[in-house]
């Protein structure tokens, strides 16, 4: 279970769309923290939506990546990952670091869902002129 999630973070850091597509279940559901920049907060249905409408939009505004630090399996078999996003807003050159908690559900050998919790204020602060 953890290897799938670890592979996802590696694929995000490497911007490996083929691996992301293989890792996400065809019925993938992404729940992105409300208030995320680039208009990506909220529910997203399907791998293509998550890859292109969420991670892709963010990649056009930030040079960023998630760095996974701790893993816990929940009582119902989900995987809770904590870590930090680190990066730079492309428009301002300002760096940022924001904590995250990701709750992943695994099924049929793929990632079925993600609930993202992060400090969205840190993301927005990096977009402000210095």
C-alpha atoms as a PDB file:
ATOM      1  CA  UNK A   1       0.000   0.000   0.000  1.00  0.00           C
ATOM      2  CA  UNK A   2       2.706   2.510   0.940  1.00  0.00           C
ATOM      3  CA  UNK A   3       4.774   1.749  -2.217  1.00  0.00           C
ATOM      4  CA  UNK A   4       1.921   3.000  -4.428  1.00  0.00           C
ATOM      5  CA  UNK A   5       1.714   6.253  -2.501  1.00  0.00           C
ATOM      6  CA  UNK A   6       5.503   6.657  -2.428  1.00  0.00           C
ATOM      7  CA  UNK A   7       5.550   6.120  -6.196  1.00  0.00           C
ATOM      8  CA  UNK A   8       2.941   8.870  -6.584  1.00  0.00           C
ATOM      9  CA  UNK A   9       5.098  11.427  -4.743  1.00  0.00           C
ATOM     10  CA  UNK A  10       8.116  10.457  -6.848  1.00  0.00           C
ATOM     11  CA  UNK A  11       6.044  10.848 -10.032  1.00  0.00           C
ATOM     12  CA  UNK A  12       4.833  14.288  -8.909  1.00  0.00           C
ATOM     13  CA  UNK A  13       8.379  15.449  -8.153  1.00  0.00           C
ATOM     14  CA  UNK A  14       9.538  14.167 -11.554  1.00  0.00           C
ATOM     15  CA  UNK A  15       6.399  15.431 -13.355  1.00  0.00           C
ATOM     16  CA  UNK A  16       5.978  11.930 -14.780  1.00  0.00           C
ATOM     17  CA  UNK A  17       2.495  12.013 -16.317  1.00  0.00           C
ATOM     18  CA  UNK A  18       2.685   8.394 -17.545  1.00  0.00           C
ATOM     19  CA  UNK A  19       3.343   7.111 -14.022  1.00  0.00           C
ATOM     20  CA  UNK A  20       0.626   9.333 -12.560  1.00  0.00           C
ATOM     21  CA  UNK A  21      -1.848   7.941 -15.088  1.00  0.00           C
ATOM     22  CA  UNK A  22      -0.904   4.352 -14.189  1.00  0.00           C
ATOM     23  CA  UNK A  23      -1.115   4.990 -10.434  1.00  0.00           C
ATOM     24  CA  UNK A  24      -4.534   6.663 -10.371  1.00  0.00           C
ATOM     25  CA  UNK A  25      -7.677   4.529 -10.559  1.00  0.00           C
ATOM     26  CA  UNK A  26      -9.977   5.331 -13.528  1.00  0.00           C
ATOM     27  CA  UNK A  27     -12.630   6.444 -10.990  1.00  0.00           C
ATOM     28  CA  UNK A  28     -10.170   8.572  -8.996  1.00  0.00           C
ATOM     29  CA  UNK A  29     -11.684  11.279  -6.749  1.00  0.00           C
ATOM     30  CA  UNK A  30      -9.512  14.195  -5.644  1.00  0.00           C
ATOM     31  CA  UNK A  31     -10.603  16.589  -2.908  1.00  0.00           C
ATOM     32  CA  UNK A  32      -8.286  19.589  -2.957  1.00  0.00           C
ATOM     33  CA  UNK A  33      -8.157  22.034  -0.049  1.00  0.00           C
ATOM     34  CA  UNK A  34     -10.593  24.940  -0.451  1.00  0.00           C
ATOM     35  CA  UNK A  35      -8.726  28.173  -1.029  1.00  0.00           C
ATOM     36  CA  UNK A  36      -5.908  26.653  -3.035  1.00  0.00           C
ATOM     37  CA  UNK A  37      -4.549  29.083  -5.629  1.00  0.00           C
ATOM     38  CA  UNK A  38      -5.134  28.693  -9.371  1.00  0.00           C
ATOM     39  CA  UNK A  39      -8.797  27.877  -8.727  1.00  0.00           C
ATOM     40  CA  UNK A  40      -8.052  24.213  -8.047  1.00  0.00           C
ATOM     41  CA  UNK A  41      -9.765  23.809  -4.659  1.00  0.00           C
ATOM     42  CA  UNK A  42     -12.700  21.419  -4.454  1.00  0.00           C
ATOM     43  CA  UNK A  43     -13.667  18.037  -5.913  1.00  0.00           C
ATOM     44  CA  UNK A  44     -12.101  16.629  -9.065  1.00  0.00           C
ATOM     45  CA  UNK A  45     -13.277  13.477 -10.802  1.00  0.00           C
ATOM     46  CA  UNK A  46     -11.005  11.198 -12.802  1.00  0.00           C
ATOM     47  CA  UNK A  47      -7.249  10.970 -13.261  1.00  0.00           C
ATOM     48  CA  UNK A  48      -7.142  13.451 -16.151  1.00  0.00           C
ATOM     49  CA  UNK A  49      -8.876  16.113 -14.076  1.00  0.00           C
ATOM     50  CA  UNK A  50      -6.428  15.691 -11.209  1.00  0.00           C
ATOM     51  CA  UNK A  51      -3.347  15.527 -13.433  1.00  0.00           C
ATOM     52  CA  UNK A  52      -4.147  18.368 -15.810  1.00  0.00           C
ATOM     53  CA  UNK A  53      -6.683  20.601 -14.047  1.00  0.00           C
ATOM     54  CA  UNK A  54      -5.065  20.473 -10.608  1.00  0.00           C
ATOM     55  CA  UNK A  55      -1.411  19.456 -10.698  1.00  0.00           C
ATOM     56  CA  UNK A  56      -0.924  20.896 -14.196  1.00  0.00           C
ATOM     57  CA  UNK A  57      -2.414  24.294 -13.295  1.00  0.00           C
ATOM     58  CA  UNK A  58      -0.323  24.460 -10.144  1.00  0.00           C
ATOM     59  CA  UNK A  59       2.811  23.568 -12.146  1.00  0.00           C
ATOM     60  CA  UNK A  60       2.162  26.527 -14.465  1.00  0.00           C
ATOM     61  CA  UNK A  61       2.170  28.904 -11.473  1.00  0.00           C
ATOM     62  CA  UNK A  62       4.760  27.284  -9.163  1.00  0.00           C
ATOM     63  CA  UNK A  63       7.959  25.313  -9.377  1.00  0.00           C
ATOM     64  CA  UNK A  64       6.880  23.066  -6.520  1.00  0.00           C
ATOM     65  CA  UNK A  65       6.818  19.513  -5.256  1.00  0.00           C
ATOM     66  CA  UNK A  66       5.430  17.550  -2.307  1.00  0.00           C
ATOM     67  CA  UNK A  67       7.939  15.989   0.090  1.00  0.00           C
ATOM     68  CA  UNK A  68       6.383  13.094   1.961  1.00  0.00           C
ATOM     69  CA  UNK A  69       7.716  12.609   5.475  1.00  0.00           C
ATOM     70  CA  UNK A  70       5.508  10.338   7.595  1.00  0.00           C
ATOM     71  CA  UNK A  71       3.133   7.498   6.731  1.00  0.00           C
ATOM     72  CA  UNK A  72       0.381   5.985   8.882  1.00  0.00           C
ATOM     73  CA  UNK A  73      -2.239   3.408   8.032  1.00  0.00           C
ATOM     74  CA  UNK A  74      -5.667   4.283   9.403  1.00  0.00           C
ATOM     75  CA  UNK A  75      -8.042   1.805  11.046  1.00  0.00           C
ATOM     76  CA  UNK A  76     -10.064   1.529   7.827  1.00  0.00           C
ATOM     77  CA  UNK A  77      -6.976   0.932   5.672  1.00  0.00           C
ATOM     78  CA  UNK A  78      -6.431   4.416   4.264  1.00  0.00           C
ATOM     79  CA  UNK A  79      -2.951   5.936   4.206  1.00  0.00           C
ATOM     80  CA  UNK A  80      -2.281   9.234   5.972  1.00  0.00           C
ATOM     81  CA  UNK A  81       0.825  11.042   4.758  1.00  0.00           C
ATOM     82  CA  UNK A  82       2.220  14.236   6.249  1.00  0.00           C
ATOM     83  CA  UNK A  83       4.918  16.375   4.744  1.00  0.00           C
ATOM     84  CA  UNK A  84       5.689  19.711   3.158  1.00  0.00           C
ATOM     85  CA  UNK A  85       5.237  21.339  -0.205  1.00  0.00           C
ATOM     86  CA  UNK A  86       8.322  23.343  -1.120  1.00  0.00           C
ATOM     87  CA  UNK A  87       8.746  25.583  -4.089  1.00  0.00           C
ATOM     88  CA  UNK A  88       8.730  28.972  -5.728  1.00  0.00           C
ATOM     89  CA  UNK A  89       5.963  31.042  -7.276  1.00  0.00           C
ATOM     90  CA  UNK A  90       6.998  31.589 -10.888  1.00  0.00           C
ATOM     91  CA  UNK A  91       5.459  35.081 -11.172  1.00  0.00           C
ATOM     92  CA  UNK A  92       7.278  36.496  -8.132  1.00  0.00           C
ATOM     93  CA  UNK A  93      10.277  34.241  -7.544  1.00  0.00           C
ATOM     94  CA  UNK A  94       9.208  33.997  -3.889  1.00  0.00           C
ATOM     95  CA  UNK A  95       9.772  30.665  -2.218  1.00  0.00           C
ATOM     96  CA  UNK A  96       7.315  29.016   0.108  1.00  0.00           C
ATOM     97  CA  UNK A  97       6.895  25.957   2.303  1.00  0.00           C
ATOM     98  CA  UNK A  98       3.495  24.643   3.350  1.00  0.00           C
ATOM     99  CA  UNK A  99       2.668  21.664   5.515  1.00  0.00           C
ATOM    100  CA  UNK A 100       0.253  19.069   4.197  1.00  0.00           C
ATOM    101  CA  UNK A 101      -1.724  16.049   5.282  1.00  0.00           C
ATOM    102  CA  UNK A 102      -2.926  13.743   2.522  1.00  0.00           C
ATOM    103  CA  UNK A 103      -5.434  10.979   3.104  1.00  0.00           C
ATOM    104  CA  UNK A 104      -5.196   8.337   0.362  1.00  0.00           C
ATOM    105  CA  UNK A 105      -7.514   5.428  -0.354  1.00  0.00           C
ATOM    106  CA  UNK A 106      -6.125   2.464  -2.271  1.00  0.00           C
ATOM    107  CA  UNK A 107      -8.212  -0.065  -4.201  1.00  0.00           C
ATOM    108  CA  UNK A 108      -7.765  -2.488  -7.066  1.00  0.00           C
ATOM    109  CA  UNK A 109      -4.009  -1.874  -6.969  1.00  0.00           C
ATOM    110  CA  UNK A 110      -4.365   1.864  -7.640  1.00  0.00           C
ATOM    111  CA  UNK A 111      -4.974   5.110  -5.807  1.00  0.00           C
ATOM    112  CA  UNK A 112      -8.737   5.643  -5.591  1.00  0.00           C
ATOM    113  CA  UNK A 113      -8.972   8.961  -3.749  1.00  0.00           C
ATOM    114  CA  UNK A 114      -7.086  11.816  -2.151  1.00  0.00           C
ATOM    115  CA  UNK A 115      -8.175  14.330   0.472  1.00  0.00           C
ATOM    116  CA  UNK A 116      -5.642  17.157   0.630  1.00  0.00           C
ATOM    117  CA  UNK A 117      -5.235  19.455   3.623  1.00  0.00           C
ATOM    118  CA  UNK A 118      -2.626  22.220   3.407  1.00  0.00           C
ATOM    119  CA  UNK A 119      -1.804  25.706   4.602  1.00  0.00           C
ATOM    120  CA  UNK A 120      -3.188  27.563   1.573  1.00  0.00           C
ATOM    121  CA  UNK A 121      -2.108  30.941   2.991  1.00  0.00           C
ATOM    122  CA  UNK A 122       1.549  29.992   2.439  1.00  0.00           C
ATOM    123  CA  UNK A 123       0.809  29.286  -1.225  1.00  0.00           C
ATOM    124  CA  UNK A 124      -0.897  32.666  -1.659  1.00  0.00           C
ATOM    125  CA  UNK A 125       1.837  34.575   0.191  1.00  0.00           C
ATOM    126  CA  UNK A 126       4.380  33.382  -2.378  1.00  0.00           C
ATOM    127  CA  UNK A 127       2.297  35.025  -5.121  1.00  0.00           C
ATOM    128  CA  UNK A 128       2.432  38.463  -3.444  1.00  0.00           C
ATOM    129  CA  UNK A 129       5.041  40.911  -4.720  1.00  0.00           C
ATOM    130  CA  UNK A 130       7.988  41.296  -2.372  1.00  0.00           C
END
